[in-house]
Protein backbone atom coordinates (compact mmCIF):
# COMPACT_ATOMS: atom_id res chain seq x y z
CA MET A 1 185.07 118.92 95.62
CA SER A 2 184.55 118.12 91.59
CA LEU A 3 187.14 115.22 92.21
CA TRP A 4 185.83 113.54 94.75
CA LEU A 5 182.41 113.86 93.05
CA ALA A 6 183.78 112.35 90.08
CA LEU A 7 185.63 109.91 91.82
CA ALA A 8 182.28 108.61 93.50
CA VAL A 9 180.09 108.94 90.22
CA GLY A 10 183.15 106.85 88.48
CA ALA A 11 183.07 104.02 90.85
CA GLY A 12 179.53 103.83 90.63
CA MET A 13 179.38 103.68 86.77
CA THR A 14 182.11 101.15 87.24
CA PHE A 15 180.43 98.95 89.63
CA PHE A 16 177.36 98.64 87.58
CA LEU A 17 178.50 98.33 84.17
CA LEU A 18 181.04 95.67 85.00
CA LYS A 19 178.18 93.86 87.09
CA SER A 20 176.00 94.49 83.88
CA ARG A 21 178.48 92.54 81.74
CA TRP A 22 178.84 89.89 84.15
CA ASN A 23 175.49 89.37 84.93
CA TYR A 24 174.95 88.69 80.74
CA LEU A 25 177.92 86.58 80.56
CA GLN A 26 176.63 84.03 83.29
CA LEU A 27 174.00 83.38 80.80
CA PRO A 28 175.23 80.01 79.27
CA GLU A 29 176.08 79.94 75.51
CA LEU A 30 174.33 77.61 73.46
CA PRO A 31 176.88 74.90 72.10
CA GLU A 32 176.78 74.15 68.48
CA ASP A 33 175.69 70.80 67.77
CA PRO A 34 178.15 69.31 65.07
CA ARG A 35 176.39 66.28 64.33
CA PRO A 36 174.04 66.37 61.08
CA PRO A 37 170.47 67.24 61.97
CA GLU A 38 167.79 64.52 62.36
CA ARG A 39 164.07 65.22 61.47
CA LEU A 40 163.09 68.19 64.10
CA ASP A 41 159.84 67.58 65.69
CA LEU A 42 159.37 71.33 66.00
CA ALA A 43 157.00 73.76 64.85
CA VAL A 44 158.01 77.55 64.58
CA VAL A 45 155.44 80.25 64.93
CA ILE A 46 156.18 83.71 64.00
CA PRO A 47 153.28 86.52 65.04
CA ALA A 48 153.94 89.18 62.12
CA ARG A 49 152.31 92.28 61.60
CA ASN A 50 153.19 94.55 59.14
CA GLU A 51 156.78 92.59 58.56
CA GLU A 52 156.85 92.54 54.64
CA SER A 53 160.38 93.55 54.46
CA ARG A 54 161.53 91.15 57.07
CA ILE A 55 159.69 87.98 57.07
CA ALA A 56 161.17 85.99 54.30
CA ARG A 57 164.62 86.06 55.77
CA ALA A 58 163.25 85.10 59.25
CA VAL A 59 161.39 82.02 57.36
CA GLN A 60 163.90 81.45 55.02
CA SER A 61 166.61 81.16 58.18
CA LEU A 62 164.52 78.24 59.71
CA ASN A 63 164.03 75.91 56.95
CA ARG A 64 164.73 73.06 59.02
CA ALA A 65 161.40 72.81 60.31
CA ARG A 66 157.91 73.80 59.53
CA VAL A 67 157.37 77.50 60.00
CA TYR A 68 153.70 79.16 60.50
CA VAL A 69 153.35 82.99 60.46
CA VAL A 70 150.40 84.30 61.89
CA ASP A 71 149.63 87.29 60.09
CA ASP A 72 148.24 89.59 62.57
CA ALA A 73 145.88 91.79 60.51
CA SER A 74 148.79 93.18 58.64
CA SER A 75 147.85 96.02 55.76
CA ASP A 76 151.03 95.21 53.74
CA SER A 77 152.22 92.13 51.74
CA THR A 78 153.67 90.44 54.96
CA ALA A 79 151.25 87.12 54.24
CA LEU A 80 152.31 86.79 50.78
CA ARG A 81 156.12 87.14 51.21
CA ALA A 82 155.71 84.72 53.79
CA ARG A 83 154.30 82.23 51.77
CA LYS A 84 156.53 82.66 48.93
CA ALA A 85 159.45 82.24 51.62
CA GLY A 86 157.75 78.80 52.32
CA ALA A 87 155.85 79.47 55.17
CA ALA A 88 152.22 78.47 56.39
CA VAL A 89 150.39 81.73 56.88
CA ILE A 90 147.69 81.28 59.26
CA PRO A 91 145.30 84.34 59.63
CA ALA A 92 144.88 85.71 63.34
CA PRO A 93 141.47 86.10 64.05
CA PRO A 94 139.75 89.44 65.19
CA LEU A 95 141.77 90.54 68.55
CA PRO A 96 139.68 89.82 71.59
CA SER A 97 139.42 92.96 74.10
CA ALA A 98 141.64 91.02 76.83
CA PHE A 99 144.31 90.12 74.67
CA ALA A 100 147.71 91.86 73.66
CA GLY A 101 148.22 91.50 70.01
CA LYS A 102 151.17 89.45 70.23
CA PRO A 103 150.42 86.89 72.92
CA HIS A 104 147.05 86.66 70.91
CA ALA A 105 148.95 85.56 67.70
CA CYS A 106 151.39 83.17 69.40
CA TRP A 107 148.43 81.55 71.36
CA HIS A 108 146.62 81.16 67.85
CA GLY A 109 149.70 79.92 65.84
CA ALA A 110 150.52 77.13 68.72
CA ARG A 111 146.71 75.88 68.43
CA ALA A 112 147.53 75.23 64.82
CA THR A 113 150.57 73.34 65.06
CA ALA A 114 150.83 69.44 66.88
CA SER A 115 154.66 69.21 67.31
CA LYS A 116 156.60 67.95 70.33
CA TRP A 117 158.68 71.39 70.35
CA LEU A 118 157.72 75.11 69.87
CA LEU A 119 159.65 77.65 68.90
CA PHE A 120 158.25 81.28 69.24
CA ALA A 121 160.29 83.56 66.99
CA ASP A 122 160.17 87.27 65.88
CA ALA A 123 159.99 88.49 62.36
CA ASP A 124 163.23 90.76 62.99
CA THR A 125 165.40 87.50 63.77
CA TRP A 126 167.59 85.21 61.57
CA TYR A 127 169.51 81.84 62.41
CA GLU A 128 172.36 80.12 61.01
CA PRO A 129 171.63 76.72 59.94
CA ALA A 130 172.97 75.20 63.07
CA PHE A 131 170.58 76.79 65.36
CA LEU A 132 167.79 74.68 65.36
CA PRO A 133 169.17 71.47 65.79
CA SER A 134 171.45 72.69 68.35
CA LEU A 135 168.78 74.28 70.34
CA VAL A 136 166.56 71.20 70.49
CA SER A 137 169.37 68.92 70.99
CA PHE A 138 170.39 70.89 73.91
CA ALA A 139 166.91 71.09 75.35
CA GLU A 140 166.41 67.33 74.77
CA ALA A 141 170.11 66.45 76.49
CA ARG A 142 169.18 68.43 79.80
CA GLN A 143 165.24 67.32 79.80
CA LEU A 144 164.47 71.24 79.42
CA ASP A 145 160.51 72.30 79.32
CA MET A 146 161.25 76.02 77.93
CA ALA A 147 164.33 77.65 76.73
CA SER A 148 164.83 81.23 75.74
CA VAL A 149 167.61 82.75 73.66
CA PHE A 150 169.32 85.85 73.60
CA LEU A 151 170.75 86.72 69.97
CA ARG A 152 173.20 89.04 68.66
CA GLN A 153 171.94 92.36 68.14
CA GLU A 154 172.56 93.80 64.74
CA CYS A 155 172.50 97.73 64.42
CA VAL A 156 172.35 99.91 61.45
CA GLY A 157 172.55 103.44 61.44
CA LEU A 158 173.99 106.15 64.16
CA ALA A 159 170.52 106.02 66.44
CA GLU A 160 170.90 101.94 66.30
CA LYS A 161 174.45 101.71 67.04
CA ALA A 162 174.34 104.63 69.79
CA LEU A 163 171.27 103.60 71.63
CA LEU A 164 170.68 99.62 71.49
CA PRO A 165 174.10 98.50 73.24
CA TYR A 166 173.73 101.12 75.77
CA ALA A 167 170.05 100.10 76.71
CA PHE A 168 171.08 96.34 76.76
CA ALA A 169 173.97 97.20 79.08
CA LEU A 170 171.36 99.07 81.35
CA TYR A 171 168.75 96.18 81.26
CA PHE A 172 171.66 93.73 82.60
CA CYS A 173 172.45 96.08 85.44
CA GLY A 174 169.99 94.64 87.37
CA VAL A 175 169.18 91.09 85.61
CA ASP A 176 171.25 88.31 87.66
CA GLY A 177 172.67 85.92 84.86
CA ARG A 178 172.80 83.03 87.51
CA ALA A 179 169.64 83.67 89.72
CA VAL A 180 167.17 83.51 86.40
CA ASN A 181 168.13 79.75 85.67
CA ARG A 182 168.15 78.65 89.43
CA ALA A 183 164.80 77.17 90.11
CA SER A 184 164.93 78.40 93.88
CA ALA A 185 165.31 82.23 92.78
CA GLY A 186 162.48 84.20 92.43
CA GLU A 187 164.03 86.19 89.67
CA ALA A 188 162.77 85.28 85.98
CA LEU A 189 164.11 86.37 82.59
CA ALA A 190 163.09 85.43 79.08
CA ASN A 191 163.52 86.58 75.58
CA GLY A 192 160.50 87.12 73.63
CA GLN A 193 162.44 87.09 70.40
CA CYS A 194 163.23 83.44 70.82
CA MET A 195 161.32 81.15 73.20
CA LEU A 196 161.34 77.17 72.69
CA PHE A 197 158.87 75.18 74.77
CA ARG A 198 158.26 71.28 74.97
CA ARG A 199 154.07 71.65 74.10
CA ASP A 200 153.09 69.19 76.95
CA ALA A 201 154.75 72.15 79.52
CA TYR A 202 153.23 74.93 77.31
CA ASN A 203 149.85 73.78 77.66
CA PHE A 204 150.14 73.04 81.21
CA ILE A 205 151.09 76.46 82.35
CA GLY A 206 148.28 77.69 79.74
CA GLY A 207 150.60 79.08 76.81
CA HIS A 208 150.20 82.92 76.00
CA ALA A 209 146.83 82.63 77.24
CA ALA A 210 147.99 82.99 80.60
CA VAL A 211 149.48 86.11 79.93
CA MET A 212 146.95 87.16 77.46
CA GLY A 213 146.84 90.97 78.43
CA SER A 214 150.78 91.70 78.73
CA VAL A 215 153.02 93.57 76.57
CA ILE A 216 155.94 91.99 78.25
CA GLU A 217 154.41 88.72 77.90
CA ASP A 218 157.79 86.76 77.55
CA VAL A 219 158.97 88.33 81.00
CA GLN A 220 155.88 87.25 82.56
CA LEU A 221 155.69 83.51 80.96
CA ALA A 222 159.12 82.85 82.37
CA GLN A 223 157.63 84.09 85.88
CA VAL A 224 154.36 81.72 85.36
CA ALA A 225 157.21 78.77 84.20
CA LYS A 226 158.90 79.30 87.60
CA ARG A 227 156.08 79.17 89.66
CA HIS A 228 154.82 76.10 87.91
CA ARG A 229 158.43 74.64 88.55
CA LEU A 230 159.02 73.81 84.89
CA LYS A 231 162.74 73.05 83.94
CA SER A 232 163.95 76.16 81.89
CA LEU A 233 167.05 77.94 80.80
CA VAL A 234 167.74 81.33 79.45
CA LEU A 235 170.74 81.13 77.08
CA ARG A 236 172.93 83.58 74.41
CA ALA A 237 173.47 82.54 70.78
CA GLU A 238 175.38 85.58 69.17
CA LYS A 239 177.36 82.93 66.93
CA LEU A 240 173.93 81.14 65.92
CA GLY A 241 171.10 84.08 65.47
CA ALA A 242 170.77 87.63 65.33
CA VAL A 243 167.89 90.21 65.56
CA ARG A 244 167.89 93.79 64.21
CA MET A 245 165.45 94.93 67.05
CA TYR A 246 164.20 98.41 66.07
CA GLU A 247 165.00 100.36 62.97
CA GLY A 248 165.63 103.98 63.55
CA PHE A 249 165.28 106.24 66.19
CA GLY A 250 161.73 106.52 66.26
CA ALA A 251 161.28 102.63 66.34
CA ILE A 252 163.44 102.92 69.59
CA ALA A 253 161.71 105.41 70.89
CA ARG A 254 158.18 103.82 70.64
CA GLY A 255 159.74 100.09 71.74
CA PHE A 256 161.26 101.21 74.44
CA ARG A 257 158.41 103.60 75.80
CA LYS A 258 156.20 100.37 75.64
CA ASN A 259 158.40 97.99 77.17
CA SER A 260 161.10 99.45 79.46
CA PHE A 261 159.23 100.58 82.67
CA ARG A 262 156.55 97.80 82.68
CA PHE A 263 159.59 95.86 83.03
CA LEU A 264 161.09 97.69 85.59
CA VAL A 265 157.62 97.26 87.58
CA ALA A 266 157.34 93.63 87.06
CA ASN A 267 160.80 93.06 88.59
CA PRO A 268 161.03 95.69 91.34
CA TRP A 269 164.54 94.86 92.55
CA THR A 270 166.05 94.74 88.99
CA GLY A 271 164.10 97.91 88.01
CA ALA A 272 165.77 99.90 91.42
CA GLN A 273 169.44 98.57 90.26
CA VAL A 274 168.67 99.70 86.78
CA VAL A 275 167.36 103.22 87.81
CA ILE A 276 170.28 103.78 90.11
CA ALA A 277 172.77 102.86 87.20
CA SER A 278 170.75 105.08 84.84
CA VAL A 279 170.67 108.02 87.42
CA LEU A 280 174.77 107.75 87.89
CA LEU A 281 174.85 107.83 84.25
CA ALA A 282 172.99 110.81 83.92
CA SER A 283 175.42 112.21 86.20
CA TYR A 284 177.98 112.05 83.34
CA LEU A 285 177.67 115.53 81.42
CA PRO A 286 177.25 117.87 84.99
CA VAL A 287 180.25 116.27 86.82
CA ALA A 288 182.36 116.36 83.33
CA ALA A 289 181.62 120.25 83.33
CA LEU A 290 182.44 120.53 86.70
CA LEU A 291 185.68 119.33 86.54
CA ALA A 292 186.18 121.56 83.35
CA TRP A 293 185.04 124.48 85.44
CA GLU A 294 187.67 123.90 88.21
CA ASN A 295 190.66 123.01 85.47
CA GLN A 296 190.94 119.42 86.74
CA TRP A 297 192.00 118.44 83.14
CA LEU A 298 193.65 115.28 83.82
CA ALA A 299 190.42 114.16 85.59
CA LEU A 300 188.40 115.04 83.32
CA ALA A 301 190.22 113.35 80.53
CA ALA A 302 190.12 110.01 82.64
CA PHE A 303 186.24 110.56 83.53
CA ALA A 304 185.26 111.19 79.76
CA ALA A 305 186.56 108.10 78.71
CA LEU A 306 184.92 105.96 81.41
CA PRO A 307 181.64 105.33 80.13
CA SER A 308 183.16 104.34 76.48
CA ALA A 309 185.73 102.08 77.94
CA LEU A 310 183.46 100.25 80.21
CA LEU A 311 180.71 99.98 77.63
CA ALA A 312 183.08 98.64 74.81
CA PRO A 313 181.99 94.98 75.00
CA TRP A 314 178.70 95.95 74.43
CA TYR A 315 179.22 98.16 71.43
CA GLY A 316 182.13 95.68 70.06
CA GLY A 317 185.17 98.18 70.54
CA PHE A 318 186.46 101.02 72.32
CA LEU A 319 186.01 103.01 69.15
CA ARG A 320 182.29 102.20 68.57
CA ALA A 321 181.63 102.84 72.39
CA LEU A 322 182.74 106.74 71.80
CA LEU A 323 179.04 106.89 70.63
CA ALA A 324 177.77 105.62 74.20
CA PRO A 325 178.00 109.28 75.64
CA LEU A 326 175.54 110.25 72.86
CA ALA A 327 173.04 107.69 74.34
CA ILE A 328 172.94 108.49 77.87
CA TYR A 329 170.07 111.53 77.76
CA PRO A 330 168.14 110.43 74.37
CA PHE A 331 167.53 107.40 76.33
CA GLN A 332 167.06 108.89 79.82
CA TRP A 333 164.01 110.69 78.09
CA ILE A 334 162.61 107.75 76.32
CA ALA A 335 162.67 105.84 79.74
CA LEU A 336 161.17 108.84 81.34
CA GLN A 337 158.32 108.99 78.62
CA GLY A 338 157.55 105.35 79.25
CA MET A 339 157.56 105.82 83.13
CA LEU A 340 155.01 108.54 83.05
CA ALA A 341 152.63 106.79 80.18
CA THR A 342 152.43 103.59 82.38
CA THR A 343 151.98 105.60 85.38
CA LEU A 344 149.43 107.75 84.00
CA GLY A 345 147.91 104.90 82.34
CA ARG A 346 148.25 106.41 78.66
CA PRO A 347 148.77 104.08 75.68
CA VAL A 348 151.51 104.05 73.50
CA GLU A 349 151.03 103.18 69.91
CA TRP A 350 152.89 100.08 68.57
CA LYS A 351 152.22 99.26 64.83
CA GLY A 352 148.85 100.63 64.79
CA ARG A 353 147.59 99.65 67.91
CA ALA A 354 147.33 101.53 71.60
CA VAL A 355 149.16 99.21 73.93
């Protein structure tokens, strides 16, 4: 009995985790433009709230464009450090009740600039010198209205190294990398850490004001862009940019409680696949225990190694992926909290605000 159960669960895990990596690799990789960069008609807007430890690195890595940091009522030295790094700092006006913090800061920053292209970047991202000219050149050549870029994930410490690769593997279990880039498909995706817009297209769809109250404003902007038939593309650029999304377990827990279930609700079919994959992976420990109880030692060895083997590409190798089993149940707990908070209408605290 335990052997058949292990085969069924193992087959399900294999299907979803191979599908996850395949989905991600269907996103085109941003090619590096080898030509010397011309002057870029581009403004970079970075919304920032209490980002004093990270803002200078982000600003300095984007020095081929004019960078505007929108200081969203920070209580630390974010504004001072941004100015010292070379950015123009724009104080965000008081937050209207209809707006969430990040869409409000992005919208206000966009209105303060006048370039042909707008790049919205997060304070926790940083870029290689070739990134900006490569992205703008790519968008110009393909006559894009919008492009969103997934960057390389930098993980520091045990919690980040264990949980973040696992979380992104789950995320892409349900995201079809080809469908999000087909105009005829209903599926939409974007990464709010790095989003490029042609200004006239951004204004046409209403910009961030169109998703003013959203916590997952990036995905909803992508949905709005598809409805308005903008020519958009979701890319990956692991060699040209990086992000340290969350620092430590507490930030990971708060961040995914804030985002995960809202994302699943916004994309029901994607969400259903993520939930199925999550349930299969959560069966890992009970099935392994059952195999041990019935002395199925060879089957147990193979089953125990399966998540690490399948998740190795996300973790950067099999040895690092030995952390994967440690991520299954903490992440399940975080996701459950997010589901309860969203279902019951309970706010989640994020950077001193209830969202």
